[in-house]
N, C-alpha and C. Protein backbone atom coordinates (compact mmCIF):
# COMPACT_ATOMS: atom_id res chain seq x y z
N MET A 1 9.84 -273.90 -204.43
CA MET A 1 9.13 -273.45 -205.61
C MET A 1 7.75 -273.75 -205.64
N ASP A 2 7.03 -272.86 -206.12
CA ASP A 2 5.41 -273.26 -206.19
C ASP A 2 4.94 -274.48 -206.47
N PRO A 3 4.39 -274.97 -206.17
CA PRO A 3 3.69 -276.53 -206.63
C PRO A 3 2.92 -276.54 -208.18
N GLN A 4 2.73 -275.44 -208.63
CA GLN A 4 2.41 -275.46 -210.04
C GLN A 4 3.68 -275.59 -210.96
N TRP A 5 4.82 -275.20 -210.60
CA TRP A 5 5.70 -275.22 -211.60
C TRP A 5 6.68 -276.33 -211.26
N HIS A 6 6.95 -276.98 -212.04
CA HIS A 6 7.88 -278.21 -212.37
C HIS A 6 9.13 -278.19 -212.94
N ALA A 7 10.17 -278.73 -212.59
CA ALA A 7 11.34 -278.43 -213.03
C ALA A 7 12.02 -279.72 -213.53
N TYR A 8 12.99 -279.55 -214.78
CA TYR A 8 13.73 -280.66 -215.01
C TYR A 8 15.12 -280.22 -215.93
N THR A 9 16.08 -281.13 -215.79
CA THR A 9 17.47 -280.77 -216.57
C THR A 9 17.34 -281.62 -217.70
N PRO A 10 17.71 -281.14 -218.77
CA PRO A 10 17.44 -282.07 -220.15
C PRO A 10 18.75 -282.88 -220.27
N TYR A 11 18.74 -284.05 -221.00
CA TYR A 11 19.78 -285.05 -221.13
C TYR A 11 20.89 -284.19 -221.72
N SER A 12 22.30 -284.69 -221.27
CA SER A 12 23.33 -283.61 -221.85
C SER A 12 24.47 -284.88 -221.85
N SER A 13 24.87 -285.26 -223.03
CA SER A 13 25.81 -286.25 -223.22
C SER A 13 27.31 -285.87 -222.71
N ALA A 14 28.25 -286.76 -222.59
CA ALA A 14 29.57 -286.29 -221.93
C ALA A 14 30.34 -285.17 -223.19
N LEU A 15 29.83 -285.35 -224.47
CA LEU A 15 30.59 -284.63 -225.62
C LEU A 15 29.74 -283.30 -225.75
N ASP A 16 28.91 -283.04 -225.18
CA ASP A 16 28.23 -281.79 -225.34
C ASP A 16 28.95 -280.45 -225.07
N PRO A 17 29.26 -279.44 -225.60
CA PRO A 17 30.22 -278.45 -225.31
C PRO A 17 29.75 -277.45 -224.34
N CYS A 18 28.42 -277.63 -224.14
CA CYS A 18 27.90 -276.71 -222.99
C CYS A 18 27.12 -277.31 -221.88
N PRO A 19 27.20 -277.21 -220.54
CA PRO A 19 26.45 -277.97 -219.48
C PRO A 19 24.70 -277.43 -219.81
N PRO A 20 24.24 -278.35 -219.58
CA PRO A 20 22.59 -278.42 -219.75
C PRO A 20 22.29 -277.20 -218.83
N ARG A 21 21.07 -276.32 -219.07
CA ARG A 21 20.27 -275.27 -218.50
C ARG A 21 19.07 -276.00 -218.05
N PRO A 22 18.57 -275.88 -216.47
CA PRO A 22 17.37 -276.25 -216.03
C PRO A 22 16.51 -275.50 -216.98
N LYS A 23 15.11 -276.29 -217.10
CA LYS A 23 13.86 -275.92 -217.66
C LYS A 23 12.64 -276.01 -216.67
N ALA A 24 12.22 -275.21 -216.62
CA ALA A 24 11.03 -275.09 -215.66
C ALA A 24 9.50 -274.98 -216.79
N TYR A 25 8.46 -275.47 -216.01
CA TYR A 25 7.21 -275.38 -216.79
C TYR A 25 6.16 -275.28 -215.89
N ILE A 26 5.03 -274.68 -216.04
CA ILE A 26 3.79 -274.51 -215.02
C ILE A 26 2.67 -275.53 -215.77
N VAL A 27 2.25 -276.41 -214.72
CA VAL A 27 1.15 -277.06 -214.94
C VAL A 27 -0.32 -276.55 -214.12
N PRO A 28 -1.01 -275.83 -214.92
CA PRO A 28 -2.35 -275.23 -214.66
C PRO A 28 -2.97 -276.26 -213.41
N PRO A 29 -3.44 -275.70 -212.56
CA PRO A 29 -4.49 -276.17 -211.41
C PRO A 29 -5.53 -277.19 -212.22
N ASN A 30 -6.25 -276.62 -213.05
CA ASN A 30 -7.58 -277.36 -214.04
C ASN A 30 -6.85 -278.62 -214.23
N GLN A 31 -5.70 -279.29 -214.45
CA GLN A 31 -5.03 -280.45 -214.80
C GLN A 31 -5.28 -281.71 -213.69
N TYR A 32 -5.47 -280.95 -212.51
CA TYR A 32 -5.66 -281.57 -211.27
C TYR A 32 -6.93 -281.88 -211.02
N VAL A 33 -7.97 -281.09 -211.11
CA VAL A 33 -9.20 -280.90 -210.82
C VAL A 33 -9.97 -282.19 -211.88
N ILE A 34 -10.35 -283.03 -211.98
CA ILE A 34 -11.24 -284.05 -212.53
C ILE A 34 -12.49 -283.81 -212.74
N PHE A 35 -13.35 -283.38 -211.58
CA PHE A 35 -14.54 -282.76 -211.53
C PHE A 35 -14.81 -281.91 -210.59
N GLN A 36 -16.04 -280.91 -210.73
CA GLN A 36 -16.11 -279.94 -209.96
C GLN A 36 -16.75 -280.47 -208.65
N PRO A 37 -15.99 -280.30 -207.31
CA PRO A 37 -16.75 -280.55 -206.33
C PRO A 37 -17.83 -279.69 -205.73
N HIS A 38 -18.81 -280.19 -204.88
CA HIS A 38 -19.84 -279.21 -204.26
C HIS A 38 -19.17 -278.65 -203.18
N GLY A 39 -19.24 -277.51 -203.28
CA GLY A 39 -19.03 -276.38 -201.92
C GLY A 39 -17.61 -276.04 -202.12
N LEU A 40 -17.34 -275.50 -203.28
CA LEU A 40 -15.99 -275.00 -203.56
C LEU A 40 -15.94 -273.36 -202.97
N ARG A 41 -14.92 -272.88 -202.62
CA ARG A 41 -14.87 -271.69 -202.07
C ARG A 41 -15.18 -270.79 -203.41
N GLN A 42 -15.58 -269.30 -203.31
CA GLN A 42 -15.88 -268.81 -204.70
C GLN A 42 -15.32 -267.28 -204.40
N PHE A 43 -14.76 -266.80 -205.67
CA PHE A 43 -14.31 -264.97 -205.12
C PHE A 43 -15.60 -264.56 -205.42
N ALA A 44 -15.96 -263.20 -205.02
CA ALA A 44 -16.83 -262.06 -205.27
C ALA A 44 -16.89 -261.96 -206.80
N PRO A 45 -17.69 -261.67 -207.17
CA PRO A 45 -18.01 -261.63 -208.87
C PRO A 45 -16.99 -260.66 -209.26
N ARG A 46 -16.67 -259.44 -208.67
CA ARG A 46 -15.94 -258.59 -209.29
C ARG A 46 -14.38 -259.18 -209.14
N GLU A 47 -13.99 -259.82 -208.03
CA GLU A 47 -12.61 -260.47 -207.92
C GLU A 47 -12.53 -261.50 -208.85
N ALA A 48 -13.74 -262.38 -209.23
CA ALA A 48 -13.57 -263.12 -210.21
C ALA A 48 -13.56 -262.87 -211.57
N LEU A 49 -13.94 -261.78 -212.05
CA LEU A 49 -13.86 -261.06 -213.35
C LEU A 49 -12.10 -260.57 -213.51
N LYS A 50 -11.44 -260.08 -212.46
CA LYS A 50 -10.36 -259.53 -212.17
C LYS A 50 -9.34 -261.13 -212.55
N ARG A 51 -9.64 -261.94 -211.85
CA ARG A 51 -8.56 -263.09 -211.79
C ARG A 51 -9.15 -264.05 -212.91
N GLY A 52 -10.47 -263.93 -213.36
CA GLY A 52 -10.34 -264.84 -214.86
C GLY A 52 -10.99 -266.22 -214.38
N THR A 53 -11.49 -266.44 -213.00
CA THR A 53 -12.02 -267.71 -212.51
C THR A 53 -12.84 -267.42 -211.38
N LEU A 54 -13.72 -268.12 -211.12
CA LEU A 54 -14.86 -268.08 -210.02
C LEU A 54 -14.05 -268.68 -208.55
N TRP A 55 -13.44 -270.11 -209.26
CA TRP A 55 -12.85 -270.69 -207.90
C TRP A 55 -11.47 -270.28 -207.75
N PRO A 56 -11.06 -270.02 -206.31
CA PRO A 56 -9.68 -269.79 -206.18
C PRO A 56 -8.89 -270.66 -205.96
N GLU A 57 -9.25 -272.46 -206.32
CA GLU A 57 -8.47 -273.60 -206.45
C GLU A 57 -8.05 -273.49 -207.78
N LEU A 58 -8.67 -272.75 -208.79
CA LEU A 58 -8.45 -272.93 -210.09
C LEU A 58 -7.69 -271.74 -210.48
N TYR A 59 -7.02 -270.79 -209.92
CA TYR A 59 -6.58 -269.79 -210.21
C TYR A 59 -4.99 -269.74 -210.35
N SER A 60 -4.46 -269.41 -211.47
CA SER A 60 -3.04 -269.31 -211.59
C SER A 60 -2.59 -268.14 -211.94
N PRO A 61 -1.86 -267.83 -210.95
CA PRO A 61 -1.58 -266.09 -211.21
C PRO A 61 -0.41 -266.26 -212.34
N TYR A 62 -0.23 -265.44 -213.18
CA TYR A 62 0.73 -265.20 -214.26
C TYR A 62 1.78 -264.24 -213.50
N GLU A 63 3.09 -265.18 -213.56
CA GLU A 63 4.09 -264.53 -212.93
C GLU A 63 5.45 -264.34 -213.61
N HIS A 64 5.52 -262.66 -214.11
CA HIS A 64 6.57 -262.51 -215.07
C HIS A 64 7.87 -262.99 -214.80
N GLY A 65 8.79 -263.25 -215.34
CA GLY A 65 10.03 -263.23 -215.09
C GLY A 65 10.60 -264.77 -215.23
N ASP A 66 12.00 -264.86 -215.10
CA ASP A 66 12.63 -266.37 -215.37
C ASP A 66 12.74 -267.38 -214.40
N ARG A 67 11.98 -268.30 -214.53
CA ARG A 67 11.92 -269.29 -213.82
C ARG A 67 13.20 -270.45 -213.90
N GLY A 68 14.07 -270.19 -214.53
CA GLY A 68 15.27 -271.08 -214.95
C GLY A 68 15.14 -271.66 -216.24
N GLY A 69 13.86 -271.22 -217.13
CA GLY A 69 13.89 -272.06 -218.61
C GLY A 69 13.52 -270.95 -219.21
N GLY A 70 13.29 -271.56 -220.66
CA GLY A 70 12.59 -270.78 -221.47
C GLY A 70 14.11 -269.84 -222.03
N ARG A 71 13.35 -268.52 -223.03
CA ARG A 71 14.39 -267.77 -223.79
C ARG A 71 14.65 -266.62 -222.87
N ARG A 72 15.54 -265.95 -223.56
CA ARG A 72 16.01 -264.57 -222.45
C ARG A 72 16.21 -263.37 -223.28
């Protein structure tokens, strides 16, 4: 699994009629960068506009599809 994605299984008691479905969520990379270090790589200006960030380390692509959680 991609390191930006985290998964968990919700609590389920023995009396629940349905088994729990695993859930997944994404943690954006900017949650791990406390401050902007010097010398970070940069996208070219056109690529930065396309991706929505200047720094590849802060880029988090949106992937459409079911990752084991959410609504269907």
